[in-house]
Amino acid sequence: MLKIDAHTHILPKKMPNWSEKFGYGDFIYLQHHKKGFAKMMRGNQFFREIKENCWDARVRIEEYEHFNTKVQVVCTIPVMFSYWAKPLDCLDLSRFLNDHLVDLVKTFPKNYVGLGTVPMQDADLAIEELHRIKKEGLAGIQIGSNINDENLSESKFYSIFEACATLGLAVMVHPWNMMGEKQMQRYWLPWLVGMPAETARAVCSLIFGGIFERLPHLRVMFAHAGGSFLPTLGRIQHGFDCRPDLVAIDNPVNPKSYLGKFWIDSVTHDPLLLEYVLKLQGSKRVMLGSDYPFPLGDLEIGRFIEDMHLPPNVKEDIYCNAAAEWLQLTKEQFEK
C-alpha cells in the first residue's frame, strides 16, 4: 500500500547568512560543525542542532524505507517563515527556500512533493510568489498559525487564501510563534501546550472568520491532528450556541458543520485520539503525518496505526487517499 507522509520538514544544506546579507535581524543560518550535524543559529544564538536527515534527500529516502513509506510532503521549518522581516527580504528568502524544493521535487519526483513558503506579511508579494511556485510545480504552501500575532481571519490575508483556491494550491497550517511563549519557557510548554492551542486558534479563525464559507474550494490541512481544536470542539460549539453575540459575529454557520471540510494529519501519538478524530473527520480527511525529522514527531511514521484494528479501506485513506485528494495528485504518479 502506498504511503504518503503529508507532514515533514527540510532545509537546504547551505544557506546564506541572511542577517549579514540584509544587515539586520536574527535570521536562521546553519553552522556545519561536525560530520552529519549542523547547528541552527538564530543570529548569534544557538537554536537547535539538526542531523543530515534534515537536508540530505537520499538519507531521508533510506530512513523512510524502514517504515515502508515512499513519499514525503516537504516544507521548510516554521522558524524560517521570517514574517517579521522586511517584505522584500522575506520574499528573497522564500524564493531561495522554494527554489530548493522545486529542485528536490524535480530530482526525486517519486519521493517528494513540495509546499512552498511566502511572505504572508505582504499580500501582493505573497500572491506573486504563489503564481511562480505554481508554474514551478509545487503543490501548495505552508503558513503559520498566526502572522506576526495577527489571526488568519484578518482581511489582509483573504486575498492570499483566495489566490490559493483559484490556483488550486493546497495550504498547510503549522503552529509557530506560540501564544504565551515568553511566559512558559520551562518544561518545553510552548511546544507541548502552545502548539496545540495555536492550531486551534488557526482553525477557529478560518471558521469564525468565514474563510471556509467564502472559499469552499480552498483545501487546508492543519498539522498535529488539528491541535486542540477537535478535542475541545464541544466547548467551542457550546460557546457558539450560548454567546453568538461574541462568536458568530462574522459567520453564523455552526462550527461542527465544517468537520470533514478540512484535512488533518495523524500526529496524535495516541491511538485513542486517532480513533476519535477519525469519527469526527472521516478517514478521507485524516492523512499520515510524522513531523519528521524532529523528535517530537512520529518518527516511526505511523507504526502505531498498523497495530490499530482499522479496516483496510480506512488505512488506505490515511496512508495515501486523503493526501492525494488534498494535494490534487494521483497515487499512480508515485507507483509507476
Protein backbone atom coordinates (compact mmCIF):
# COMPACT_ATOMS: atom_id res chain seq x y z
CA MET A 1 0.00 0.00 0.00
CA LEU A 2 1.39 3.40 -0.98
CA LYS A 3 2.24 5.62 1.98
CA ILE A 4 2.48 9.41 1.69
CA ASP A 5 3.81 11.25 4.73
CA ALA A 6 1.99 14.57 4.44
CA HIS A 7 3.95 16.47 7.11
CA THR A 8 7.75 16.63 7.02
CA HIS A 9 10.34 19.39 7.11
CA ILE A 10 13.54 20.01 5.16
CA LEU A 11 16.20 22.69 4.69
CA PRO A 12 18.85 23.33 2.06
CA LYS A 13 22.26 22.13 3.25
CA LYS A 14 23.81 25.52 2.56
CA MET A 15 22.10 28.85 3.12
CA PRO A 16 23.31 32.44 3.15
CA ASN A 17 23.81 34.24 6.43
CA TRP A 18 20.69 36.31 5.92
CA SER A 19 21.46 38.68 8.81
CA GLU A 20 24.72 39.67 7.13
CA LYS A 21 23.10 39.89 3.71
CA PHE A 22 20.21 42.10 4.83
CA GLY A 23 22.08 43.94 7.57
CA TYR A 24 19.62 43.25 10.41
CA GLY A 25 17.61 40.61 12.22
CA ASP A 26 18.10 37.20 13.79
CA PHE A 27 17.61 35.09 10.69
CA ILE A 28 18.39 31.38 10.82
CA TYR A 29 21.57 30.05 9.24
CA LEU A 30 23.49 26.77 9.56
CA GLN A 31 26.89 26.02 11.08
CA HIS A 32 28.11 22.60 9.92
CA HIS A 33 30.25 21.92 12.97
CA LYS A 34 30.76 18.16 12.58
CA LYS A 35 30.05 15.46 10.02
CA GLY A 36 26.35 14.79 9.64
CA PHE A 37 25.28 17.54 12.03
CA ALA A 38 24.67 21.29 11.91
CA LYS A 39 23.77 23.98 14.38
CA MET A 40 20.80 26.13 13.53
CA MET A 41 21.85 29.61 14.62
CA ARG A 42 19.34 32.41 15.23
CA GLY A 43 21.56 35.42 14.75
CA ASN A 44 24.37 34.69 17.20
CA GLN A 45 22.25 32.43 19.41
CA PHE A 46 22.13 28.64 19.20
CA PHE A 47 18.61 27.49 18.30
CA ARG A 48 18.74 23.75 17.60
CA GLU A 49 21.07 21.02 16.39
CA ILE A 50 19.89 19.09 13.36
CA LYS A 51 21.12 15.95 11.64
CA GLU A 52 21.79 15.32 7.98
CA ASN A 53 18.31 13.85 7.55
CA CYS A 54 17.12 17.46 7.72
CA TRP A 55 18.83 18.25 4.40
CA ASP A 56 20.07 15.07 2.72
CA ALA A 57 17.40 13.80 0.30
CA ARG A 58 18.92 10.34 -0.10
CA VAL A 59 19.37 9.76 3.63
CA ARG A 60 15.71 10.60 4.13
CA ILE A 61 14.60 8.14 1.44
CA GLU A 62 16.68 5.38 3.04
CA GLU A 63 15.27 6.09 6.51
CA TYR A 64 11.73 6.04 5.18
CA GLU A 65 12.21 2.65 3.57
CA HIS A 66 12.40 1.14 7.07
CA PHE A 67 8.75 2.13 7.56
CA ASN A 68 7.52 1.18 4.09
CA THR A 69 6.93 4.83 3.26
CA LYS A 70 7.83 6.16 -0.16
CA VAL A 71 6.59 9.74 -0.49
CA GLN A 72 7.31 12.77 1.71
CA VAL A 73 5.48 16.08 1.53
CA VAL A 74 8.28 18.51 2.37
CA CYS A 75 8.18 22.10 3.60
CA THR A 76 10.51 24.40 5.46
CA ILE A 77 10.85 24.62 9.24
CA PRO A 78 8.41 27.27 10.55
CA VAL A 79 11.19 29.29 12.17
CA MET A 80 12.26 30.11 8.60
CA PHE A 81 8.97 31.93 7.83
CA SER A 82 10.52 35.28 8.84
CA TYR A 83 7.20 37.13 8.63
CA TRP A 84 8.74 39.79 10.87
CA ALA A 85 11.30 40.75 8.19
CA LYS A 86 11.01 43.48 5.58
CA PRO A 87 8.64 42.09 2.92
CA LEU A 88 11.11 42.14 0.01
CA ASP A 89 13.75 40.45 2.15
CA CYS A 90 11.26 37.78 3.18
CA LEU A 91 10.40 37.28 -0.48
CA ASP A 92 14.11 36.82 -1.28
CA LEU A 93 14.45 34.23 1.48
CA SER A 94 11.20 32.50 0.44
CA ARG A 95 12.32 32.24 -3.17
CA PHE A 96 15.60 30.67 -2.08
CA LEU A 97 13.80 28.03 0.01
CA ASN A 98 11.20 27.42 -2.69
CA ASP A 99 13.82 27.00 -5.41
CA HIS A 100 15.45 24.32 -3.27
CA LEU A 101 12.11 22.48 -3.02
CA VAL A 102 11.49 22.80 -6.76
CA ASP A 103 14.88 21.25 -7.49
CA LEU A 104 14.27 18.47 -4.95
CA VAL A 105 10.90 17.56 -6.45
CA LYS A 106 12.28 17.57 -9.99
CA THR A 107 15.23 15.38 -8.96
CA PHE A 108 13.13 12.88 -6.95
CA PRO A 109 9.60 13.10 -8.40
CA LYS A 110 8.59 9.71 -6.98
CA ASN A 111 9.63 10.60 -3.45
CA TYR A 112 8.92 14.27 -2.77
CA VAL A 113 6.05 16.74 -3.02
CA GLY A 114 6.85 20.36 -2.17
CA LEU A 115 4.97 23.01 -0.17
CA GLY A 116 6.49 26.45 -0.52
CA THR A 117 6.59 29.46 1.79
CA VAL A 118 5.54 33.04 1.01
CA PRO A 119 5.86 36.47 2.68
CA MET A 120 2.46 36.49 4.33
CA GLN A 121 3.09 39.99 5.70
CA ASP A 122 2.66 41.40 2.18
CA ALA A 123 -0.28 40.01 0.21
CA ASP A 124 0.86 41.31 -3.18
CA LEU A 125 4.32 39.76 -2.85
CA ALA A 126 2.84 36.54 -1.46
CA ILE A 127 0.47 36.20 -4.42
CA GLU A 128 3.30 36.93 -6.84
CA GLU A 129 5.26 34.03 -5.34
CA LEU A 130 2.17 31.78 -5.37
CA HIS A 131 1.92 32.17 -9.13
CA ARG A 132 5.64 31.44 -9.54
CA ILE A 133 5.69 28.26 -7.44
CA LYS A 134 2.54 27.02 -9.16
CA LYS A 135 4.36 27.25 -12.51
CA GLU A 136 7.40 25.56 -10.98
CA GLY A 137 5.38 22.55 -9.87
CA LEU A 138 4.96 22.92 -6.11
CA ALA A 139 1.67 21.56 -4.78
CA GLY A 140 0.92 24.29 -2.26
CA ILE A 141 2.23 26.32 0.64
CA GLN A 142 2.83 26.02 4.36
CA ILE A 143 1.83 29.01 6.51
CA GLY A 144 1.98 29.84 10.19
CA SER A 145 -0.92 29.69 12.63
CA ASN A 146 -0.66 33.44 13.03
CA ILE A 147 1.11 36.19 11.11
CA ASN A 148 3.05 38.43 13.48
CA ASP A 149 0.44 37.71 16.19
CA GLU A 150 -2.50 38.51 13.87
CA ASN A 151 -5.17 35.89 13.30
CA LEU A 152 -5.60 34.30 9.88
CA SER A 153 -9.12 35.77 9.73
CA GLU A 154 -7.75 39.30 9.27
CA SER A 155 -8.96 40.79 5.98
CA LYS A 156 -5.39 41.49 4.82
CA PHE A 157 -4.81 37.75 4.36
CA TYR A 158 -8.01 36.92 2.49
CA SER A 159 -6.62 37.62 -0.97
CA ILE A 160 -3.81 35.12 -0.33
CA PHE A 161 -6.30 32.38 0.53
CA GLU A 162 -8.40 33.38 -2.47
CA ALA A 163 -5.36 33.06 -4.74
CA CYS A 164 -4.58 29.61 -3.33
CA ALA A 165 -8.15 28.49 -4.06
CA THR A 166 -8.04 29.93 -7.58
CA LEU A 167 -4.64 28.39 -8.37
CA GLY A 168 -5.58 25.05 -6.83
CA LEU A 169 -2.74 25.20 -4.30
CA ALA A 170 -3.07 23.24 -1.06
CA VAL A 171 -2.46 25.03 2.24
CA MET A 172 -0.85 23.52 5.32
CA VAL A 173 -1.23 25.47 8.57
CA HIS A 174 1.58 24.82 11.04
CA PRO A 175 1.79 26.24 14.59
CA TRP A 176 4.55 28.72 15.28
CA ASN A 177 5.21 31.92 17.28
CA MET A 178 3.25 30.32 20.10
CA MET A 179 0.99 32.47 22.25
CA GLY A 180 2.36 32.91 25.76
CA GLU A 181 5.76 31.53 24.78
CA LYS A 182 7.74 34.03 26.86
CA GLN A 183 5.63 33.30 29.93
CA MET A 184 6.07 29.49 29.85
CA GLN A 185 9.67 28.71 28.96
CA ARG A 186 10.09 25.84 31.41
CA TYR A 187 9.13 22.24 30.72
CA TRP A 188 9.03 22.77 26.92
CA LEU A 189 5.50 24.15 27.39
CA PRO A 190 5.49 26.26 24.20
CA TRP A 191 5.75 23.01 22.22
CA LEU A 192 3.56 20.85 24.47
CA VAL A 193 0.78 23.36 25.26
CA GLY A 194 1.28 26.34 22.96
CA MET A 195 1.43 24.43 19.69
CA PRO A 196 -1.92 22.62 20.09
CA ALA A 197 -3.53 25.89 21.16
CA GLU A 198 -2.04 27.75 18.20
CA THR A 199 -3.51 25.25 15.76
CA ALA A 200 -6.94 25.52 17.39
CA ARG A 201 -6.58 29.29 17.09
CA ALA A 202 -5.99 28.94 13.37
CA VAL A 203 -8.91 26.55 12.79
CA CYS A 204 -11.31 28.79 14.73
CA SER A 205 -10.06 31.88 12.91
CA LEU A 206 -10.75 30.37 9.49
CA ILE A 207 -14.16 29.05 10.57
CA PHE A 208 -15.44 32.05 12.53
CA GLY A 209 -13.86 34.50 10.08
CA GLY A 210 -15.92 32.95 7.29
CA ILE A 211 -12.91 31.97 5.16
CA PHE A 212 -14.12 28.42 4.59
CA GLU A 213 -17.62 29.71 3.90
CA ARG A 214 -16.45 32.19 1.27
CA LEU A 215 -13.87 29.85 -0.27
CA PRO A 216 -15.42 26.37 -0.26
CA HIS A 217 -12.80 25.01 -2.67
CA LEU A 218 -9.85 26.06 -0.50
CA ARG A 219 -8.00 22.89 0.56
CA VAL A 220 -6.49 23.35 4.03
CA MET A 221 -4.68 20.88 6.28
CA PHE A 222 -3.96 21.58 9.95
CA ALA A 223 -0.84 20.00 11.41
CA HIS A 224 -0.66 17.82 14.52
CA ALA A 225 -4.19 16.45 14.05
CA GLY A 226 -5.68 19.91 14.31
CA GLY A 227 -4.07 20.59 17.67
CA SER A 228 -6.59 21.12 20.48
CA PHE A 229 -9.46 22.06 18.15
CA LEU A 230 -11.14 18.66 17.83
CA PRO A 231 -10.65 17.62 21.50
CA THR A 232 -12.28 20.91 22.61
CA LEU A 233 -14.90 21.14 19.86
CA GLY A 234 -17.72 20.57 22.37
CA ARG A 235 -16.69 23.70 24.25
CA ILE A 236 -16.22 25.66 21.02
CA GLN A 237 -19.67 24.61 19.81
CA HIS A 238 -21.25 25.45 23.16
CA GLY A 239 -19.66 28.91 23.07
CA PHE A 240 -21.07 29.43 19.57
CA ASP A 241 -24.53 28.39 20.79
CA CYS A 242 -24.65 30.31 24.08
CA ARG A 243 -22.88 33.52 23.03
CA PRO A 244 -23.45 34.06 19.31
CA ASP A 245 -23.13 37.78 20.01
CA LEU A 246 -19.43 37.17 20.70
CA VAL A 247 -18.63 34.15 18.50
CA ALA A 248 -20.91 34.24 15.44
CA ILE A 249 -20.31 37.88 14.53
CA ASP A 250 -18.68 37.18 11.13
CA ASN A 251 -20.08 33.75 10.27
CA PRO A 252 -23.40 32.38 11.54
CA VAL A 253 -22.70 28.81 10.38
CA ASN A 254 -22.42 26.09 13.02
CA PRO A 255 -18.70 25.21 13.52
CA LYS A 256 -19.44 21.48 13.59
CA SER A 257 -20.70 21.75 10.02
CA TYR A 258 -17.09 22.21 8.89
CA LEU A 259 -16.00 18.79 10.08
CA GLY A 260 -14.74 16.87 7.07
CA LYS A 261 -14.26 20.06 5.06
CA PHE A 262 -10.59 20.42 6.00
CA TRP A 263 -7.80 17.90 6.47
CA ILE A 264 -5.63 16.98 9.46
CA ASP A 265 -2.62 14.70 9.84
CA SER A 266 -2.29 11.68 12.12
CA VAL A 267 0.32 13.08 14.54
CA THR A 268 -1.64 12.25 17.70
CA HIS A 269 0.87 9.86 19.34
CA ASP A 270 -2.26 8.18 20.69
CA PRO A 271 -4.47 5.51 19.07
CA LEU A 272 -7.50 6.55 21.16
CA LEU A 273 -7.23 10.13 19.97
CA LEU A 274 -6.79 9.00 16.39
CA GLU A 275 -9.97 6.90 16.69
CA TYR A 276 -11.78 9.99 17.99
CA VAL A 277 -10.64 12.32 15.21
CA LEU A 278 -11.48 9.65 12.62
CA LYS A 279 -15.04 9.58 13.96
CA LEU A 280 -15.29 13.35 13.65
CA GLN A 281 -13.44 13.89 10.39
CA GLY A 282 -13.87 10.64 8.50
CA SER A 283 -10.89 8.75 7.12
CA LYS A 284 -10.80 10.73 3.88
CA ARG A 285 -9.80 13.84 5.83
CA VAL A 286 -7.11 12.27 8.06
CA MET A 287 -3.73 11.63 6.49
CA LEU A 288 -0.47 10.07 7.56
CA GLY A 289 1.92 12.63 9.03
CA SER A 290 5.08 12.45 11.07
CA ASP A 291 6.68 15.90 11.57
CA TYR A 292 9.91 14.15 10.55
CA PRO A 293 12.78 14.55 11.33
CA PHE A 294 12.14 16.17 14.72
CA PRO A 295 11.97 14.20 17.99
CA LEU A 296 8.52 15.47 18.95
CA GLY A 297 7.23 13.95 15.72
CA ASP A 298 6.12 10.42 14.97
CA LEU A 299 9.47 9.11 13.80
CA GLU A 300 8.13 5.60 13.32
CA ILE A 301 5.95 7.05 10.54
CA GLY A 302 2.57 5.83 11.76
CA ARG A 303 3.65 2.44 13.03
CA PHE A 304 1.02 2.67 15.78
CA ILE A 305 -1.64 2.80 13.06
CA GLU A 306 -0.57 -0.67 11.94
CA ASP A 307 -1.47 -2.01 15.39
CA MET A 308 -4.94 -0.46 15.34
CA HIS A 309 -7.82 -2.64 14.18
CA LEU A 310 -8.80 -0.38 11.29
CA PRO A 311 -10.45 -1.68 8.10
CA PRO A 312 -8.09 -1.82 5.09
CA ASN A 313 -10.01 0.92 3.27
CA VAL A 314 -9.61 3.26 6.27
CA LYS A 315 -5.88 2.58 6.42
CA GLU A 316 -5.59 3.25 2.70
CA ASP A 317 -7.39 6.57 3.14
CA ILE A 318 -4.97 7.56 5.91
CA TYR A 319 -1.87 6.33 4.11
CA CYS A 320 -2.49 7.85 0.71
CA ASN A 321 -6.04 8.67 -0.45
CA ALA A 322 -6.60 11.67 1.83
CA ALA A 323 -3.24 13.24 0.97
CA ALA A 324 -3.72 12.64 -2.75
CA GLU A 325 -7.04 14.49 -2.66
CA TRP A 326 -5.66 17.34 -0.56
CA LEU A 327 -2.71 17.78 -2.92
CA GLN A 328 -4.75 17.10 -6.08
CA LEU A 329 -2.30 14.40 -7.13
CA THR A 330 -2.81 10.81 -8.21
CA LYS A 331 -1.41 7.73 -6.48
CA GLU A 332 -0.34 6.38 -9.84
CA GLN A 333 2.28 9.06 -10.38
CA PHE A 334 4.23 7.67 -7.41
CA GLU A 335 3.56 3.98 -8.00
CA LYS A 336 4.93 3.69 -11.54
